[in-house]
Protein backbone atom coordinates (compact mmCIF):
# COMPACT_ATOMS: atom_id res chain seq x y z
CA MET A 1 -51.07 22.02 15.00
CA ASP A 2 -48.80 23.52 17.60
CA SER A 3 -48.56 22.11 21.14
CA ALA A 4 -49.07 25.63 22.54
CA GLU A 5 -52.49 25.76 20.90
CA VAL A 6 -53.40 22.42 22.46
CA TYR A 7 -52.39 23.66 25.90
CA SER A 8 -54.37 26.87 25.46
CA MET A 9 -57.47 24.83 24.52
CA PHE A 10 -57.10 22.76 27.66
CA GLU A 11 -56.82 25.91 29.75
CA LYS A 12 -60.01 27.32 28.21
CA ILE A 13 -61.85 24.11 29.01
CA ILE A 14 -60.64 24.21 32.61
CA GLU A 15 -61.72 27.87 32.94
CA ARG A 16 -65.22 27.09 31.65
CA LEU A 17 -65.57 24.26 34.10
CA ASN A 18 -64.42 26.48 36.96
CA LYS A 19 -66.86 29.31 35.99
CA GLN A 20 -69.95 27.22 36.49
CA PRO A 21 -71.69 28.45 39.61
CA GLU A 22 -71.92 26.20 42.57
CA LYS A 23 -75.36 24.98 43.27
CA PRO A 24 -76.66 25.21 46.79
CA ALA A 25 -76.81 21.95 48.62
CA GLU A 26 -80.51 22.45 49.47
CA LYS A 27 -81.72 22.05 46.04
CA GLN A 28 -81.26 18.73 44.66
CA THR A 29 -81.60 19.01 41.04
CA GLU A 30 -80.40 17.03 38.24
CA PRO A 31 -76.72 17.15 37.61
CA ALA A 32 -75.70 19.71 35.06
CA LYS A 33 -74.95 18.46 31.67
CA VAL A 34 -71.54 19.51 30.49
CA ASP A 35 -70.94 20.06 26.83
CA THR A 36 -67.96 17.80 26.09
CA THR A 37 -67.84 18.31 22.34
CA ALA A 38 -65.17 20.99 22.65
CA PHE A 39 -63.15 18.71 24.93
CA GLU A 40 -63.48 15.77 22.56
CA ALA A 41 -62.49 17.96 19.63
CA ALA A 42 -59.40 19.13 21.56
CA VAL A 43 -58.47 15.54 22.42
CA GLU A 44 -58.88 14.54 18.79
CA ARG A 45 -56.68 17.42 17.66
CA LEU A 46 -54.11 16.43 20.33
CA ASP A 47 -54.08 12.85 19.07
CA ASN A 48 -53.61 14.09 15.52
CA ALA A 49 -50.76 16.34 16.65
CA ILE A 50 -49.06 13.43 18.47
CA VAL A 51 -49.32 11.26 15.34
CA GLU A 52 -47.82 14.05 13.23
CA VAL A 53 -44.95 14.54 15.68
CA LYS A 54 -44.14 10.80 15.72
CA LYS A 55 -43.92 10.60 11.91
CA PRO A 56 -40.31 10.54 10.72
CA THR A 57 -39.18 13.56 8.83
CA ILE A 58 -37.70 12.98 5.41
CA VAL A 59 -35.06 15.36 4.24
CA GLU A 60 -34.40 15.22 0.54
CA GLN A 61 -31.00 16.16 -0.77
CA HIS A 62 -30.35 16.89 -4.39
CA HIS A 63 -26.81 16.74 -5.78
CA ARG A 64 -25.76 18.15 -9.09
CA HIS A 65 -22.52 17.24 -10.81
CA THR A 66 -21.40 19.26 -13.74
CA ILE A 67 -18.38 19.02 -15.99
CA ASP A 68 -17.21 22.30 -17.37
CA PHE A 69 -14.51 22.43 -20.03
CA ASN A 70 -13.29 25.84 -19.10
CA ILE A 71 -9.49 25.72 -18.78
CA ARG A 72 -9.44 28.15 -15.86
CA SER A 73 -11.82 26.06 -13.77
CA ASN A 74 -10.47 22.63 -14.79
CA TRP A 75 -6.78 23.07 -14.04
CA PHE A 76 -7.08 20.21 -11.57
CA PHE A 77 -8.42 17.82 -14.23
CA PHE A 78 -5.78 18.78 -16.77
CA SER A 79 -3.00 18.47 -14.20
CA TRP A 80 -4.11 14.91 -13.44
CA VAL A 81 -4.20 14.08 -17.16
CA GLY A 82 -0.68 15.47 -17.51
CA LEU A 83 0.48 13.50 -14.50
CA ALA A 84 -0.99 10.29 -15.94
CA ILE A 85 0.85 10.88 -19.22
CA VAL A 86 4.15 11.45 -17.39
CA VAL A 87 3.71 8.33 -15.25
CA SER A 88 2.87 6.24 -18.33
CA ALA A 89 5.99 7.51 -20.11
CA LEU A 90 8.13 6.66 -17.07
CA PHE A 91 6.70 3.13 -16.92
CA TRP A 92 7.49 2.66 -20.61
CA ALA A 93 11.08 3.92 -20.07
CA LEU A 94 11.49 1.65 -17.06
CA ALA A 95 10.33 -1.40 -19.01
CA ASP A 96 12.69 -0.54 -21.87
CA GLN A 97 15.59 -0.08 -19.44
CA ARG A 98 14.83 -3.40 -17.76
CA GLU A 99 14.95 -5.16 -21.13
CA THR A 100 18.34 -3.55 -21.85
CA ILE A 101 19.70 -4.63 -18.46
CA ASN A 102 18.54 -8.20 -19.04
CA GLN A 103 20.29 -8.20 -22.44
CA PHE A 104 23.50 -6.99 -20.76
CA LYS A 105 23.25 -9.78 -18.18
CA GLU A 106 22.87 -12.38 -20.92
CA ASN A 107 25.83 -10.94 -22.85
CA ASP A 108 27.94 -10.97 -19.68
CA LEU A 109 27.08 -14.62 -19.09
CA LYS A 110 27.94 -15.45 -22.72
CA TYR A 111 31.32 -13.74 -22.36
CA ARG A 112 32.07 -15.63 -19.16
CA TYR A 113 31.08 -18.93 -20.83
CA ILE A 114 33.39 -18.26 -23.79
CA LYS A 115 36.16 -17.34 -21.34
CA MET A 116 35.54 -20.65 -19.54
CA GLN A 117 35.84 -22.55 -22.84
CA GLY A 118 39.10 -20.81 -23.59
CA GLN A 119 38.37 -20.45 -27.29
CA THR A 120 35.42 -20.24 -29.62
CA ASN A 121 34.49 -20.56 -33.24
CA GLU A 122 31.45 -19.87 -35.34
CA GLU A 123 29.83 -23.23 -34.59
CA ASN A 124 30.29 -22.83 -30.81
CA MET A 125 28.82 -19.33 -30.97
CA TYR A 126 25.78 -20.62 -32.87
CA CYS A 127 25.35 -23.43 -30.30
CA LEU A 128 25.65 -20.91 -27.46
CA GLU A 129 22.98 -18.66 -28.99
CA ARG A 130 20.63 -21.66 -29.27
CA LYS A 131 21.23 -22.44 -25.57
CA PHE A 132 20.18 -18.91 -24.64
CA GLN A 133 16.79 -19.37 -26.26
CA ASN A 134 15.76 -21.80 -23.50
CA ASN A 135 15.59 -20.69 -19.84
CA ASP A 136 16.61 -24.11 -18.51
CA SER A 137 19.74 -24.08 -20.67
CA ILE A 138 20.58 -20.60 -19.40
CA LYS A 139 20.38 -21.87 -15.83
CA ILE A 140 22.67 -24.80 -16.66
CA VAL A 141 25.20 -22.51 -18.38
CA ARG A 142 25.09 -20.11 -15.41
CA LYS A 143 25.79 -22.98 -12.96
CA GLN A 144 28.68 -24.24 -15.10
CA VAL A 145 30.24 -20.79 -15.32
CA GLU A 146 29.80 -20.11 -11.59
CA ARG A 147 31.36 -23.47 -10.71
CA TYR A 148 34.27 -22.83 -13.07
CA GLU A 149 34.83 -19.37 -11.57
CA GLU A 150 34.78 -20.85 -8.04
CA LEU A 151 37.41 -23.41 -9.02
CA VAL A 152 39.59 -20.73 -10.62
CA LYS A 153 39.26 -18.61 -7.49
CA GLU A 154 40.22 -21.55 -5.25
CA GLN A 155 43.19 -22.34 -7.47
CA ALA A 156 44.34 -18.71 -7.36
CA GLU A 157 44.06 -18.72 -3.57
CA ARG A 158 46.11 -21.94 -3.43
CA ILE A 159 48.79 -20.43 -5.66
CA VAL A 160 48.93 -17.33 -3.45
CA ARG A 161 49.15 -19.49 -0.32
CA ASP A 162 51.86 -21.65 -1.90
CA SER A 163 53.88 -18.58 -2.89
CA GLU A 164 53.50 -17.14 0.61
CA ASN A 165 54.53 -20.49 2.11
CA SER A 166 57.54 -20.72 -0.21
CA LYS A 167 58.56 -17.19 0.81
CA LYS A 168 58.22 -18.13 4.46
CA ILE A 169 60.19 -21.35 3.86
CA SER A 170 62.97 -19.44 2.11
CA GLU A 171 63.05 -16.88 4.95
CA ILE A 172 63.21 -19.66 7.53
CA GLN A 173 65.92 -21.43 5.51
CA GLN A 174 67.93 -18.22 5.38
CA LYS A 175 67.58 -17.79 9.14
CA VAL A 176 68.67 -21.38 9.72
CA ASN A 177 71.66 -20.91 7.42
CA SER A 178 72.58 -17.67 9.14
CA LEU A 179 72.34 -19.35 12.57
CA LYS A 180 74.47 -22.25 11.37
CA SER A 181 77.05 -19.89 10.02
CA LYS A 182 77.11 -17.96 13.31
CA LYS A 183 77.44 -21.18 15.26
CA GLN A 184 80.35 -22.31 13.10
CA ASP A 185 82.00 -18.92 13.49
CA ASN A 186 81.58 -19.10 17.26
CA SER A 187 82.94 -22.64 17.45
CA SER A 188 86.01 -21.78 15.33
CA HIS A 189 87.05 -18.97 17.70
């Protein structure tokens, strides 16, 4: 029921009440009986309309998902599948490359260890390979090699310093000798 209808009903009721003729004051008669059934019906319809308006409205939404295997419409899906294949191949290549790099690092450390030993034979090589099967042994070998390389570096620096010092000493000795010779030449004249 529309609120405009309710208002129009109320207006009709008011008009009917206003149309009743006024009774002269001289005659005292019984009060007129007003038919309120129409009014009560209008009030009841108004109450029903208010209840209907206060009810929450429920909006139903229906979603449909479809998968179509038409190549023209599923380019997005196939591009994602292709991208996933490419990414998987790159991860595999990266893992393989990492394994190769780790092998090179181990071989480098083995070479440096053999260089530290100065010589090797078949038995030492076999022992070295066994050491590289255990991570703790690899750490120990790495520390030994690094310590050896530090000592060699320090020794090389000392040799360079000693050679520089000996050059400076020889230069100073030459200057002293040249000054002595000049002094002797000056004193002989």
